[in-house]
Structures are given as structure tokens and as C-alpha cells.
Amino acid sequence: MSGIDPTQRLLAQIRAALSARTDKQRSASPSSAKSPPSKAEGKDFSDQLSHDIRAAIREIHLDGEDGRRRGRKAFVEVVLLDEFGIALANDQRFPQIVEKVEAVIVDENELRTELDRLLLKLASR
């Protein structure tokens, strides 16, 4: 049985949650948005992203709320840098961006629960 990769599904949910909150503030043209990977690219994309997330959370103990918060932030950092390029890490506002995205995730109960489960799954591999 093949299903939708949980990493891809979670990324789509995060994009939708962020999009719903920022539609009014969006000033970039739609053509500048990065399109999701094609089905052919999807597995490689997901495998690489999962690898990068596992590396980012390797030293984080995900038990306890502080550990889960740090894991979610690491996840957000990896995803944002993957989406927008490594140069974003040099932006002095990057930590605030990560904080705001993590706050959006925390506000969405189902999304937070799913991300926490995914992080635990990735950490156990």
C-alpha cells in the first residue's frame, strides 16, 4: 500500500496554514513562488528533506515540551532554507521568521500534533 509521504503532506499543510494567514500581506507575484516537486521528484525531494531534518534534530531530546519546541524550530529552519535558499540564514530576521512559523504550527493543534509525531518518527530512524 502506498500513501502520501507524511513529510510531503505536512509541508502542504504548513504551506496552507501560512498562506491563509499571509494572503492579505503577500506582495510577491504568484510566478515567483516555488512550485511543489513533481511526482517524479517527490521521493528524492522527500528523502533529502527527511535526511536534513533528521540531521537537524539528531541531538535534540524530543521528550518534554521544550524538546518538541526545539524540534519544531529545527524542522522549520530546514524547510525554510530548503524552500528559499541558504542565503536566508544570513538574514538578521531569520530567527524571528522561524519563531513566527513555529507559532503558527503551535496554534494549529492538529498540525502541531502531526509534526511532533513526524519528528519522533524521524528521530527513531
PDB file of N, CA and C in Angstrom:
ATOM      1  N   MET A   1       0.844  -1.171   0.000  1.00  0.00           N
ATOM      2  CA  MET A   1       0.000   0.000   0.000  1.00  0.00           C
ATOM      3  C   MET A   1       0.888   1.231   0.000  1.00  0.00           C
ATOM      4  N   SER A   2       0.701   2.128  -0.935  1.00  0.00           N
ATOM      5  CA  SER A   2       1.470   3.357  -0.932  1.00  0.00           C
ATOM      6  C   SER A   2       0.535   4.513  -0.614  1.00  0.00           C
ATOM      7  N   GLY A   3       1.024   5.387   0.212  1.00  0.00           N
ATOM      8  CA  GLY A   3       0.243   6.547   0.585  1.00  0.00           C
ATOM      9  C   GLY A   3       1.056   7.794   0.345  1.00  0.00           C
ATOM     10  N   ILE A   4       0.489   8.889   0.718  1.00  0.00           N
ATOM     11  CA  ILE A   4       1.200  10.146   0.593  1.00  0.00           C
ATOM     12  C   ILE A   4       2.243  10.201   1.695  1.00  0.00           C
ATOM     13  N   ASP A   5       3.457  10.556   1.327  1.00  0.00           N
ATOM     14  CA  ASP A   5       4.543  10.674   2.279  1.00  0.00           C
ATOM     15  C   ASP A   5       4.146  11.678   3.363  1.00  0.00           C
ATOM     16  N   PRO A   6       4.291  11.325   4.656  1.00  0.00           N
ATOM     17  CA  PRO A   6       3.872  12.240   5.713  1.00  0.00           C
ATOM     18  C   PRO A   6       4.628  13.560   5.698  1.00  0.00           C
ATOM     19  N   THR A   7       5.881  13.546   5.257  1.00  0.00           N
ATOM     20  CA  THR A   7       6.640  14.799   5.185  1.00  0.00           C
ATOM     21  C   THR A   7       6.007  15.729   4.154  1.00  0.00           C
ATOM     22  N   GLN A   8       5.678  15.179   2.983  1.00  0.00           N
ATOM     23  CA  GLN A   8       5.051  15.982   1.928  1.00  0.00           C
ATOM     24  C   GLN A   8       3.699  16.518   2.377  1.00  0.00           C
ATOM     25  N   ARG A   9       2.896  15.644   3.016  1.00  0.00           N
ATOM     26  CA  ARG A   9       1.568  16.056   3.477  1.00  0.00           C
ATOM     27  C   ARG A   9       1.684  17.160   4.516  1.00  0.00           C
ATOM     28  N   LEU A  10       2.637  17.028   5.442  1.00  0.00           N
ATOM     29  CA  LEU A  10       2.823  18.032   6.479  1.00  0.00           C
ATOM     30  C   LEU A  10       3.297  19.352   5.877  1.00  0.00           C
ATOM     31  N   LEU A  11       4.196  19.281   4.909  1.00  0.00           N
ATOM     32  CA  LEU A  11       4.646  20.511   4.247  1.00  0.00           C
ATOM     33  C   LEU A  11       3.481  21.212   3.556  1.00  0.00           C
ATOM     34  N   ALA A  12       2.622  20.441   2.918  1.00  0.00           N
ATOM     35  CA  ALA A  12       1.457  21.027   2.256  1.00  0.00           C
ATOM     36  C   ALA A  12       0.536  21.692   3.278  1.00  0.00           C
ATOM     37  N   GLN A  13       0.352  21.057   4.432  1.00  0.00           N
ATOM     38  CA  GLN A  13      -0.496  21.646   5.473  1.00  0.00           C
ATOM     39  C   GLN A  13       0.121  22.924   6.028  1.00  0.00           C
ATOM     40  N   ILE A  14       1.432  22.920   6.231  1.00  0.00           N
ATOM     41  CA  ILE A  14       2.101  24.120   6.727  1.00  0.00           C
ATOM     42  C   ILE A  14       1.985  25.243   5.714  1.00  0.00           C
ATOM     43  N   ARG A  15       2.214  24.914   4.439  1.00  0.00           N
ATOM     44  CA  ARG A  15       2.077  25.942   3.398  1.00  0.00           C
ATOM     45  C   ARG A  15       0.664  26.523   3.395  1.00  0.00           C
ATOM     46  N   ALA A  16      -0.342  25.661   3.516  1.00  0.00           N
ATOM     47  CA  ALA A  16      -1.731  26.123   3.509  1.00  0.00           C
ATOM     48  C   ALA A  16      -2.024  26.999   4.720  1.00  0.00           C
ATOM     49  N   ALA A  17      -1.541  26.602   5.891  1.00  0.00           N
ATOM     50  CA  ALA A  17      -1.771  27.391   7.107  1.00  0.00           C
ATOM     51  C   ALA A  17      -1.089  28.750   7.005  1.00  0.00           C
ATOM     52  N   LEU A  18       0.148  28.751   6.513  1.00  0.00           N
ATOM     53  CA  LEU A  18       0.856  30.024   6.368  1.00  0.00           C
ATOM     54  C   LEU A  18       0.214  30.894   5.301  1.00  0.00           C
ATOM     55  N   SER A  19      -0.198  30.278   4.215  1.00  0.00           N
ATOM     56  CA  SER A  19      -0.818  31.015   3.125  1.00  0.00           C
ATOM     57  C   SER A  19      -2.110  31.680   3.581  1.00  0.00           C
ATOM     58  N   ALA A  20      -2.899  30.964   4.336  1.00  0.00           N
ATOM     59  CA  ALA A  20      -4.165  31.519   4.811  1.00  0.00           C
ATOM     60  C   ALA A  20      -3.928  32.727   5.706  1.00  0.00           C
ATOM     61  N   ARG A  21      -2.840  32.717   6.457  1.00  0.00           N
ATOM     62  CA  ARG A  21      -2.560  33.819   7.376  1.00  0.00           C
ATOM     63  C   ARG A  21      -1.868  34.992   6.698  1.00  0.00           C
ATOM     64  N   THR A  22      -1.246  34.758   5.550  1.00  0.00           N
ATOM     65  CA  THR A  22      -0.467  35.822   4.924  1.00  0.00           C
ATOM     66  C   THR A  22      -1.029  36.295   3.594  1.00  0.00           C
ATOM     67  N   ASP A  23      -2.169  35.782   3.161  1.00  0.00           N
ATOM     68  CA  ASP A  23      -2.732  36.183   1.874  1.00  0.00           C
ATOM     69  C   ASP A  23      -2.885  37.697   1.766  1.00  0.00           C
ATOM     70  N   LYS A  24      -3.316  38.329   2.827  1.00  0.00           N
ATOM     71  CA  LYS A  24      -3.541  39.775   2.798  1.00  0.00           C
ATOM     72  C   LYS A  24      -2.237  40.549   2.743  1.00  0.00           C
ATOM     73  N   GLN A  25      -1.152  39.947   3.252  1.00  0.00           N
ATOM     74  CA  GLN A  25       0.127  40.648   3.324  1.00  0.00           C
ATOM     75  C   GLN A  25       1.048  40.313   2.145  1.00  0.00           C
ATOM     76  N   ARG A  26       0.656  39.364   1.341  1.00  0.00           N
ATOM     77  CA  ARG A  26       1.522  38.870   0.274  1.00  0.00           C
ATOM     78  C   ARG A  26       1.691  39.941  -0.804  1.00  0.00           C
ATOM     79  N   SER A  27       2.939  40.268  -1.108  1.00  0.00           N
ATOM     80  CA  SER A  27       3.186  41.255  -2.147  1.00  0.00           C
ATOM     81  C   SER A  27       3.952  40.668  -3.323  1.00  0.00           C
ATOM     82  N   ALA A  28       4.489  39.468  -3.161  1.00  0.00           N
ATOM     83  CA  ALA A  28       5.232  38.834  -4.250  1.00  0.00           C
ATOM     84  C   ALA A  28       4.263  38.330  -5.307  1.00  0.00           C
ATOM     85  N   SER A  29       4.733  38.283  -6.530  1.00  0.00           N
ATOM     86  CA  SER A  29       3.890  37.783  -7.607  1.00  0.00           C
ATOM     87  C   SER A  29       3.774  36.267  -7.510  1.00  0.00           C
ATOM     88  N   PRO A  30       2.658  35.699  -7.932  1.00  0.00           N
ATOM     89  CA  PRO A  30       2.485  34.252  -7.867  1.00  0.00           C
ATOM     90  C   PRO A  30       3.526  33.477  -8.666  1.00  0.00           C
ATOM     91  N   SER A  31       4.052  34.084  -9.710  1.00  0.00           N
ATOM     92  CA  SER A  31       5.030  33.373 -10.529  1.00  0.00           C
ATOM     93  C   SER A  31       6.358  33.190  -9.810  1.00  0.00           C
ATOM     94  N   SER A  32       6.611  33.965  -8.735  1.00  0.00           N
ATOM     95  CA  SER A  32       7.878  33.831  -8.024  1.00  0.00           C
ATOM     96  C   SER A  32       7.831  32.743  -6.964  1.00  0.00           C
ATOM     97  N   ALA A  33       6.658  32.196  -6.705  1.00  0.00           N
ATOM     98  CA  ALA A  33       6.533  31.148  -5.700  1.00  0.00           C
ATOM     99  C   ALA A  33       7.121  29.845  -6.220  1.00  0.00           C
ATOM    100  N   LYS A  34       7.778  29.127  -5.329  1.00  0.00           N
ATOM    101  CA  LYS A  34       8.361  27.841  -5.703  1.00  0.00           C
ATOM    102  C   LYS A  34       7.254  26.806  -5.797  1.00  0.00           C
ATOM    103  N   SER A  35       7.203  26.108  -6.904  1.00  0.00           N
ATOM    104  CA  SER A  35       6.165  25.098  -7.068  1.00  0.00           C
ATOM    105  C   SER A  35       6.582  23.817  -6.357  1.00  0.00           C
ATOM    106  N   PRO A  36       5.610  23.034  -5.899  1.00  0.00           N
ATOM    107  CA  PRO A  36       5.944  21.780  -5.246  1.00  0.00           C
ATOM    108  C   PRO A  36       6.606  20.830  -6.226  1.00  0.00           C
ATOM    109  N   PRO A  37       7.398  19.890  -5.702  1.00  0.00           N
ATOM    110  CA  PRO A  37       8.092  18.976  -6.603  1.00  0.00           C
ATOM    111  C   PRO A  37       7.112  18.100  -7.366  1.00  0.00           C
ATOM    112  N   SER A  38       7.508  17.715  -8.572  1.00  0.00           N
ATOM    113  CA  SER A  38       6.675  16.814  -9.360  1.00  0.00           C
ATOM    114  C   SER A  38       6.675  15.439  -8.698  1.00  0.00           C
ATOM    115  N   LYS A  39       5.788  14.573  -9.151  1.00  0.00           N
ATOM    116  CA  LYS A  39       5.705  13.231  -8.581  1.00  0.00           C
ATOM    117  C   LYS A  39       7.044  12.506  -8.739  1.00  0.00           C
ATOM    118  N   ALA A  40       7.690  12.699  -9.886  1.00  0.00           N
ATOM    119  CA  ALA A  40       8.975  12.043 -10.134  1.00  0.00           C
ATOM    120  C   ALA A  40      10.047  12.557  -9.186  1.00  0.00           C
ATOM    121  N   GLU A  41      10.015  13.857  -8.883  1.00  0.00           N
ATOM    122  CA  GLU A  41      10.999  14.456  -7.994  1.00  0.00           C
ATOM    123  C   GLU A  41      10.640  14.245  -6.530  1.00  0.00           C
ATOM    124  N   GLY A  42       9.371  13.975  -6.266  1.00  0.00           N
ATOM    125  CA  GLY A  42       8.856  13.938  -4.908  1.00  0.00           C
ATOM    126  C   GLY A  42       9.606  13.030  -3.960  1.00  0.00           C
ATOM    127  N   LYS A  43       9.909  11.808  -4.379  1.00  0.00           N
ATOM    128  CA  LYS A  43      10.576  10.867  -3.490  1.00  0.00           C
ATOM    129  C   LYS A  43      11.980  11.341  -3.151  1.00  0.00           C
ATOM    130  N   ASP A  44      12.752  11.754  -4.158  1.00  0.00           N
ATOM    131  CA  ASP A  44      14.106  12.242  -3.892  1.00  0.00           C
ATOM    132  C   ASP A  44      14.059  13.483  -3.002  1.00  0.00           C
ATOM    133  N   PHE A  45      13.138  14.394  -3.307  1.00  0.00           N
ATOM    134  CA  PHE A  45      12.972  15.608  -2.523  1.00  0.00           C
ATOM    135  C   PHE A  45      12.653  15.252  -1.071  1.00  0.00           C
ATOM    136  N   SER A  46      11.696  14.361  -0.890  1.00  0.00           N
ATOM    137  CA  SER A  46      11.271  13.968   0.442  1.00  0.00           C
ATOM    138  C   SER A  46      12.383  13.250   1.186  1.00  0.00           C
ATOM    139  N   ASP A  47      13.100  12.368   0.505  1.00  0.00           N
ATOM    140  CA  ASP A  47      14.205  11.651   1.140  1.00  0.00           C
ATOM    141  C   ASP A  47      15.285  12.617   1.609  1.00  0.00           C
ATOM    142  N   GLN A  48      15.638  13.572   0.766  1.00  0.00           N
ATOM    143  CA  GLN A  48      16.679  14.538   1.137  1.00  0.00           C
ATOM    144  C   GLN A  48      16.205  15.433   2.274  1.00  0.00           C
ATOM    145  N   LEU A  49      14.973  15.886   2.204  1.00  0.00           N
ATOM    146  CA  LEU A  49      14.429  16.737   3.257  1.00  0.00           C
ATOM    147  C   LEU A  49      14.367  15.968   4.579  1.00  0.00           C
ATOM    148  N   SER A  50      13.912  14.726   4.524  1.00  0.00           N
ATOM    149  CA  SER A  50      13.863  13.894   5.731  1.00  0.00           C
ATOM    150  C   SER A  50      15.259  13.708   6.315  1.00  0.00           C
ATOM    151  N   HIS A  51      16.235  13.484   5.454  1.00  0.00           N
ATOM    152  CA  HIS A  51      17.628  13.337   5.908  1.00  0.00           C
ATOM    153  C   HIS A  51      18.097  14.617   6.592  1.00  0.00           C
ATOM    154  N   ASP A  52      17.825  15.765   5.996  1.00  0.00           N
ATOM    155  CA  ASP A  52      18.244  17.043   6.561  1.00  0.00           C
ATOM    156  C   ASP A  52      17.563  17.310   7.903  1.00  0.00           C
ATOM    157  N   ILE A  53      16.291  16.941   8.000  1.00  0.00           N
ATOM    158  CA  ILE A  53      15.563  17.139   9.259  1.00  0.00           C
ATOM    159  C   ILE A  53      16.131  16.216  10.333  1.00  0.00           C
ATOM    160  N   ARG A  54      16.380  14.948   9.979  1.00  0.00           N
ATOM    161  CA  ARG A  54      16.969  14.015  10.954  1.00  0.00           C
ATOM    162  C   ARG A  54      18.295  14.550  11.466  1.00  0.00           C
ATOM    163  N   ALA A  55      19.119  15.095  10.578  1.00  0.00           N
ATOM    164  CA  ALA A  55      20.407  15.656  10.993  1.00  0.00           C
ATOM    165  C   ALA A  55      20.205  16.847  11.937  1.00  0.00           C
ATOM    166  N   ALA A  56      19.198  17.658  11.658  1.00  0.00           N
ATOM    167  CA  ALA A  56      18.949  18.850  12.476  1.00  0.00           C
ATOM    168  C   ALA A  56      18.425  18.506  13.868  1.00  0.00           C
ATOM    169  N   ILE A  57      17.690  17.405  13.979  1.00  0.00           N
ATOM    170  CA  ILE A  57      17.101  17.063  15.281  1.00  0.00           C
ATOM    171  C   ILE A  57      17.888  15.975  16.012  1.00  0.00           C
ATOM    172  N   ARG A  58      18.980  15.533  15.428  1.00  0.00           N
ATOM    173  CA  ARG A  58      19.746  14.409  15.988  1.00  0.00           C
ATOM    174  C   ARG A  58      20.079  14.599  17.464  1.00  0.00           C
ATOM    175  N   GLU A  59      20.493  15.764  17.867  1.00  0.00           N
ATOM    176  CA  GLU A  59      20.930  15.999  19.242  1.00  0.00           C
ATOM    177  C   GLU A  59      19.822  16.554  20.144  1.00  0.00           C
ATOM    178  N   ILE A  60      18.628  16.674  19.605  1.00  0.00           N
ATOM    179  CA  ILE A  60      17.519  17.236  20.386  1.00  0.00           C
ATOM    180  C   ILE A  60      16.737  16.094  21.035  1.00  0.00           C
ATOM    181  N   HIS A  61      16.532  16.195  22.329  1.00  0.00           N
ATOM    182  CA  HIS A  61      15.692  15.226  23.035  1.00  0.00           C
ATOM    183  C   HIS A  61      14.254  15.701  22.908  1.00  0.00           C
ATOM    184  N   LEU A  62      13.452  14.962  22.179  1.00  0.00           N
ATOM    185  CA  LEU A  62      12.101  15.389  21.837  1.00  0.00           C
ATOM    186  C   LEU A  62      11.073  15.114  22.926  1.00  0.00           C
ATOM    187  N   ASP A  63      11.520  14.559  24.050  1.00  0.00           N
ATOM    188  CA  ASP A  63      10.574  14.367  25.145  1.00  0.00           C
ATOM    189  C   ASP A  63      10.486  15.689  25.922  1.00  0.00           C
ATOM    190  N   GLY A  64       9.323  16.024  26.334  1.00  0.00           N
ATOM    191  CA  GLY A  64       9.103  17.299  27.018  1.00  0.00           C
ATOM    192  C   GLY A  64       8.788  18.401  26.027  1.00  0.00           C
ATOM    193  N   GLU A  65       8.054  19.387  26.486  1.00  0.00           N
ATOM    194  CA  GLU A  65       7.621  20.470  25.587  1.00  0.00           C
ATOM    195  C   GLU A  65       8.793  21.272  25.043  1.00  0.00           C
ATOM    196  N   ASP A  66       9.819  21.511  25.847  1.00  0.00           N
ATOM    197  CA  ASP A  66      10.966  22.283  25.362  1.00  0.00           C
ATOM    198  C   ASP A  66      11.664  21.548  24.213  1.00  0.00           C
ATOM    199  N   GLY A  67      11.831  20.248  24.346  1.00  0.00           N
ATOM    200  CA  GLY A  67      12.453  19.465  23.280  1.00  0.00           C
ATOM    201  C   GLY A  67      11.612  19.456  22.018  1.00  0.00           C
ATOM    202  N   ARG A  68      10.285  19.308  22.177  1.00  0.00           N
ATOM    203  CA  ARG A  68       9.404  19.326  20.997  1.00  0.00           C
ATOM    204  C   ARG A  68       9.438  20.700  20.329  1.00  0.00           C
ATOM    205  N   ARG A  69       9.470  21.781  21.117  1.00  0.00           N
ATOM    206  CA  ARG A  69       9.547  23.131  20.554  1.00  0.00           C
ATOM    207  C   ARG A  69      10.853  23.306  19.775  1.00  0.00           C
ATOM    208  N   ARG A  70      11.956  22.852  20.353  1.00  0.00           N
ATOM    209  CA  ARG A  70      13.248  22.944  19.661  1.00  0.00           C
ATOM    210  C   ARG A  70      13.241  22.097  18.386  1.00  0.00           C
ATOM    211  N   GLY A  71      12.601  20.929  18.438  1.00  0.00           N
ATOM    212  CA  GLY A  71      12.485  20.081  17.250  1.00  0.00           C
ATOM    213  C   GLY A  71      11.662  20.745  16.162  1.00  0.00           C
ATOM    214  N   ARG A  72      10.533  21.369  16.558  1.00  0.00           N
ATOM    215  CA  ARG A  72       9.699  22.071  15.565  1.00  0.00           C
ATOM    216  C   ARG A  72      10.474  23.218  14.935  1.00  0.00           C
ATOM    217  N   LYS A  73      11.234  23.952  15.736  1.00  0.00           N
ATOM    218  CA  LYS A  73      12.021  25.065  15.196  1.00  0.00           C
ATOM    219  C   LYS A  73      13.090  24.549  14.227  1.00  0.00           C
ATOM    220  N   ALA A  74      13.738  23.457  14.570  1.00  0.00           N
ATOM    221  CA  ALA A  74      14.742  22.880  13.672  1.00  0.00           C
ATOM    222  C   ALA A  74      14.091  22.459  12.363  1.00  0.00           C
ATOM    223  N   PHE A  75      12.912  21.861  12.454  1.00  0.00           N
ATOM    224  CA  PHE A  75      12.157  21.464  11.264  1.00  0.00           C
ATOM    225  C   PHE A  75      11.866  22.692  10.403  1.00  0.00           C
ATOM    226  N   VAL A  76      11.357  23.753  11.017  1.00  0.00           N
ATOM    227  CA  VAL A  76      11.017  24.974  10.290  1.00  0.00           C
ATOM    228  C   VAL A  76      12.258  25.559   9.619  1.00  0.00           C
ATOM    229  N   GLU A  77      13.360  25.587  10.323  1.00  0.00           N
ATOM    230  CA  GLU A  77      14.599  26.120   9.742  1.00  0.00           C
ATOM    231  C   GLU A  77      14.991  25.346   8.485  1.00  0.00           C
ATOM    232  N   VAL A  78      14.983  24.029   8.586  1.00  0.00           N
ATOM    233  CA  VAL A  78      15.375  23.195   7.439  1.00  0.00           C
ATOM    234  C   VAL A  78      14.435  23.432   6.259  1.00  0.00           C
ATOM    235  N   VAL A  79      13.134  23.455   6.530  1.00  0.00           N
ATOM    236  CA  VAL A  79      12.157  23.631   5.454  1.00  0.00           C
ATOM    237  C   VAL A  79      12.293  25.019   4.818  1.00  0.00           C
ATOM    238  N   LEU A  80      12.427  26.058   5.635  1.00  0.00           N
ATOM    239  CA  LEU A  80      12.555  27.409   5.084  1.00  0.00           C
ATOM    240  C   LEU A  80      13.826  27.551   4.245  1.00  0.00           C
ATOM    241  N   LEU A  81      14.924  27.011   4.732  1.00  0.00           N
ATOM    242  CA  LEU A  81      16.169  27.106   3.966  1.00  0.00           C
ATOM    243  C   LEU A  81      16.084  26.299   2.682  1.00  0.00           C
ATOM    244  N   ASP A  82      15.380  25.179   2.719  1.00  0.00           N
ATOM    245  CA  ASP A  82      15.183  24.390   1.513  1.00  0.00           C
ATOM    246  C   ASP A  82      14.300  25.140   0.515  1.00  0.00           C
ATOM    247  N   GLU A  83      13.251  25.763   1.018  1.00  0.00           N
ATOM    248  CA  GLU A  83      12.302  26.478   0.152  1.00  0.00           C
ATOM    249  C   GLU A  83      12.897  27.748  -0.452  1.00  0.00           C
ATOM    250  N   PHE A  84      13.622  28.517   0.378  1.00  0.00           N
ATOM    251  CA  PHE A  84      14.031  29.858  -0.040  1.00  0.00           C
ATOM    252  C   PHE A  84      15.532  30.035  -0.227  1.00  0.00           C
ATOM    253  N   GLY A  85      16.300  29.001   0.043  1.00  0.00           N
ATOM    254  CA  GLY A  85      17.744  29.076  -0.171  1.00  0.00           C
ATOM    255  C   GLY A  85      18.504  29.373   1.112  1.00  0.00           C
ATOM    256  N   ILE A  86      19.720  28.915   1.138  1.00  0.00           N
ATOM    257  CA  ILE A  86      20.581  29.015   2.315  1.00  0.00           C
ATOM    258  C   ILE A  86      20.900  30.467   2.677  1.00  0.00           C
ATOM    259  N   ALA A  87      20.822  31.367   1.708  1.00  0.00           N
ATOM    260  CA  ALA A  87      21.112  32.776   1.985  1.00  0.00           C
ATOM    261  C   ALA A  87      20.153  33.352   3.022  1.00  0.00           C
ATOM    262  N   LEU A  88      18.978  32.782   3.149  1.00  0.00           N
ATOM    263  CA  LEU A  88      18.013  33.244   4.143  1.00  0.00           C
ATOM    264  C   LEU A  88      18.585  33.162   5.554  1.00  0.00           C
ATOM    265  N   ALA A  89      19.463  32.200   5.801  1.00  0.00           N
ATOM    266  CA  ALA A  89      20.066  32.040   7.127  1.00  0.00           C
ATOM    267  C   ALA A  89      20.870  33.265   7.525  1.00  0.00           C
ATOM    268  N   ASN A  90      21.349  34.034   6.550  1.00  0.00           N
ATOM    269  CA  ASN A  90      22.128  35.233   6.836  1.00  0.00           C
ATOM    270  C   ASN A  90      21.267  36.457   7.139  1.00  0.00           C
ATOM    271  N   ASP A  91      19.984  36.353   6.890  1.00  0.00           N
ATOM    272  CA  ASP A  91      19.075  37.461   7.164  1.00  0.00           C
ATOM    273  C   ASP A  91      18.912  37.596   8.670  1.00  0.00           C
ATOM    274  N   GLN A  92      19.120  38.788   9.183  1.00  0.00           N
ATOM    275  CA  GLN A  92      19.027  39.010  10.633  1.00  0.00           C
ATOM    276  C   GLN A  92      17.630  38.727  11.175  1.00  0.00           C
ATOM    277  N   ARG A  93      16.631  38.711  10.304  1.00  0.00           N
ATOM    278  CA  ARG A  93      15.257  38.430  10.737  1.00  0.00           C
ATOM    279  C   ARG A  93      14.916  36.943  10.711  1.00  0.00           C
ATOM    280  N   PHE A  94      15.853  36.110  10.252  1.00  0.00           N
ATOM    281  CA  PHE A  94      15.569  34.678  10.131  1.00  0.00           C
ATOM    282  C   PHE A  94      15.088  34.053  11.447  1.00  0.00           C
ATOM    283  N   PRO A  95      15.729  34.334  12.583  1.00  0.00           N
ATOM    284  CA  PRO A  95      15.222  33.746  13.838  1.00  0.00           C
ATOM    285  C   PRO A  95      13.776  34.145  14.145  1.00  0.00           C
ATOM    286  N   GLN A  96      13.407  35.388  13.843  1.00  0.00           N
ATOM    287  CA  GLN A  96      12.027  35.821  14.077  1.00  0.00           C
ATOM    288  C   GLN A  96      11.063  35.123  13.119  1.00  0.00           C
ATOM    289  N   ILE A  97      11.502  34.909  11.901  1.00  0.00           N
ATOM    290  CA  ILE A  97      10.667  34.194  10.920  1.00  0.00           C
ATOM    291  C   ILE A  97      10.408  32.777  11.425  1.00  0.00           C
ATOM    292  N   VAL A  98      11.462  32.124  11.886  1.00  0.00           N
ATOM    293  CA  VAL A  98      11.327  30.761  12.407  1.00  0.00           C
ATOM    294  C   VAL A  98      10.358  30.750  13.586  1.00  0.00           C
ATOM    295  N   GLU A  99      10.506  31.712  14.491  1.00  0.00           N
ATOM    296  CA  GLU A  99       9.614  31.809  15.659  1.00  0.00           C
ATOM    297  C   GLU A  99       8.154  31.961  15.229  1.00  0.00           C
ATOM    298  N   LYS A 100       7.916  32.826  14.254  1.00  0.00           N
ATOM    299  CA  LYS A 100       6.542  33.074  13.805  1.00  0.00           C
ATOM    300  C   LYS A 100       5.936  31.842  13.133  1.00  0.00           C
ATOM    301  N   VAL A 101       6.717  31.161  12.320  1.00  0.00           N
ATOM    302  CA  VAL A 101       6.203  29.959  11.648  1.00  0.00           C
ATOM    303  C   VAL A 101       5.924  28.878  12.687  1.00  0.00           C
ATOM    304  N   GLU A 102       6.826  28.711  13.645  1.00  0.00           N
ATOM    305  CA  GLU A 102       6.607  27.715  14.696  1.00  0.00           C
ATOM    306  C   GLU A 102       5.358  28.065  15.498  1.00  0.00           C
ATOM    307  N   ALA A 103       5.116  29.358  15.727  1.00  0.00           N
ATOM    308  CA  ALA A 103       3.913  29.792  16.452  1.00  0.00           C
ATOM    309  C   ALA A 103       2.644  29.441  15.672  1.00  0.00           C
ATOM    310  N   VAL A 104       2.689  29.580  14.353  1.00  0.00           N
ATOM    311  CA  VAL A 104       1.544  29.200  13.518  1.00  0.00           C
ATOM    312  C   VAL A 104       1.269  27.702  13.678  1.00  0.00           C
ATOM    313  N   ILE A 105       2.322  26.918  13.673  1.00  0.00           N
ATOM    314  CA  ILE A 105       2.175  25.470  13.826  1.00  0.00           C
ATOM    315  C   ILE A 105       1.579  25.133  15.183  1.00  0.00           C
ATOM    316  N   VAL A 106       2.061  25.783  16.230  1.00  0.00           N
ATOM    317  CA  VAL A 106       1.561  25.525  17.581  1.00  0.00           C
ATOM    318  C   VAL A 106       0.089  25.906  17.685  1.00  0.00           C
ATOM    319  N   ASP A 107      -0.307  26.968  17.017  1.00  0.00           N
ATOM    320  CA  ASP A 107      -1.710  27.413  17.052  1.00  0.00           C
ATOM    321  C   ASP A 107      -2.658  26.433  16.368  1.00  0.00           C
ATOM    322  N   GLU A 108      -2.143  25.666  15.441  1.00  0.00           N
ATOM    323  CA  GLU A 108      -2.950  24.676  14.723  1.00  0.00           C
ATOM    324  C   GLU A 108      -2.740  23.320  15.407  1.00  0.00           C
ATOM    325  N   ASN A 109      -3.637  22.973  16.324  1.00  0.00           N
ATOM    326  CA  ASN A 109      -3.483  21.771  17.145  1.00  0.00           C
ATOM    327  C   ASN A 109      -3.157  20.519  16.345  1.00  0.00           C
ATOM    328  N   GLU A 110      -3.925  20.265  15.310  1.00  0.00           N
ATOM    329  CA  GLU A 110      -3.729  19.059  14.502  1.00  0.00           C
ATOM    330  C   GLU A 110      -2.362  19.076  13.814  1.00  0.00           C
ATOM    331  N   LEU A 111      -1.984  20.226  13.307  1.00  0.00           N
ATOM    332  CA  LEU A 111      -0.703  20.379  12.633  1.00  0.00           C
ATOM    333  C   LEU A 111       0.451  20.155  13.610  1.00  0.00           C
ATOM    334  N   ARG A 112       0.350  20.735  14.797  1.00  0.00           N
ATOM    335  CA  ARG A 112       1.390  20.563  15.815  1.00  0.00           C
ATOM    336  C   ARG A 112       1.536  19.089  16.197  1.00  0.00           C
ATOM    337  N   THR A 113       0.405  18.431  16.417  1.00  0.00           N
ATOM    338  CA  THR A 113       0.437  17.016  16.794  1.00  0.00           C
ATOM    339  C   THR A 113       1.071  16.175  15.697  1.00  0.00           C
ATOM    340  N   GLU A 114       0.690  16.431  14.453  1.00  0.00           N
ATOM    341  CA  GLU A 114       1.241  15.665  13.336  1.00  0.00           C
ATOM    342  C   GLU A 114       2.737  15.913  13.176  1.00  0.00           C
ATOM    343  N   LEU A 115       3.164  17.166  13.329  1.00  0.00           N
ATOM    344  CA  LEU A 115       4.591  17.465  13.214  1.00  0.00           C
ATOM    345  C   LEU A 115       5.367  16.801  14.345  1.00  0.00           C
ATOM    346  N   ASP A 116       4.846  16.860  15.561  1.00  0.00           N
ATOM    347  CA  ASP A 116       5.530  16.218  16.681  1.00  0.00           C
ATOM    348  C   ASP A 116       5.678  14.716  16.439  1.00  0.00           C
ATOM    349  N   ARG A 117       4.622  14.082  15.900  1.00  0.00           N
ATOM    350  CA  ARG A 117       4.697  12.650  15.575  1.00  0.00           C
ATOM    351  C   ARG A 117       5.752  12.381  14.504  1.00  0.00           C
ATOM    352  N   LEU A 118       5.765  13.218  13.466  1.00  0.00           N
ATOM    353  CA  LEU A 118       6.737  13.053  12.387  1.00  0.00           C
ATOM    354  C   LEU A 118       8.166  13.195  12.919  1.00  0.00           C
ATOM    355  N   LEU A 119       8.392  14.173  13.772  1.00  0.00           N
ATOM    356  CA  LEU A 119       9.735  14.368  14.322  1.00  0.00           C
ATOM    357  C   LEU A 119      10.170  13.158  15.147  1.00  0.00           C
ATOM    358  N   LEU A 120       9.260  12.612  15.951  1.00  0.00           N
ATOM    359  CA  LEU A 120       9.582  11.416  16.733  1.00  0.00           C
ATOM    360  C   LEU A 120       9.919  10.241  15.814  1.00  0.00           C
ATOM    361  N   LYS A 121       9.147  10.119  14.734  1.00  0.00           N
ATOM    362  CA  LYS A 121       9.376   9.043  13.767  1.00  0.00           C
ATOM    363  C   LYS A 121      10.754   9.215  13.109  1.00  0.00           C
ATOM    364  N   LEU A 122      11.060  10.436  12.680  1.00  0.00           N
ATOM    365  CA  LEU A 122      12.353  10.689  12.026  1.00  0.00           C
ATOM    366  C   LEU A 122      13.504  10.490  13.000  1.00  0.00           C
ATOM    367  N   ALA A 123      13.313  10.872  14.268  1.00  0.00           N
ATOM    368  CA  ALA A 123      14.371  10.725  15.269  1.00  0.00           C
ATOM    369  C   ALA A 123      14.667   9.263  15.574  1.00  0.00           C
ATOM    370  N   SER A 124      13.651   8.411  15.405  1.00  0.00           N
ATOM    371  CA  SER A 124      13.838   6.992  15.734  1.00  0.00           C
ATOM    372  C   SER A 124      14.501   6.201  14.619  1.00  0.00           C
ATOM    373  N   ARG A 125      14.688   6.804  13.462  1.00  0.00           N
ATOM    374  CA  ARG A 125      15.322   6.093  12.330  1.00  0.00           C
ATOM    375  C   ARG A 125      16.820   6.086  12.459  1.00  0.00           C
TER     376      ARG A 125
END
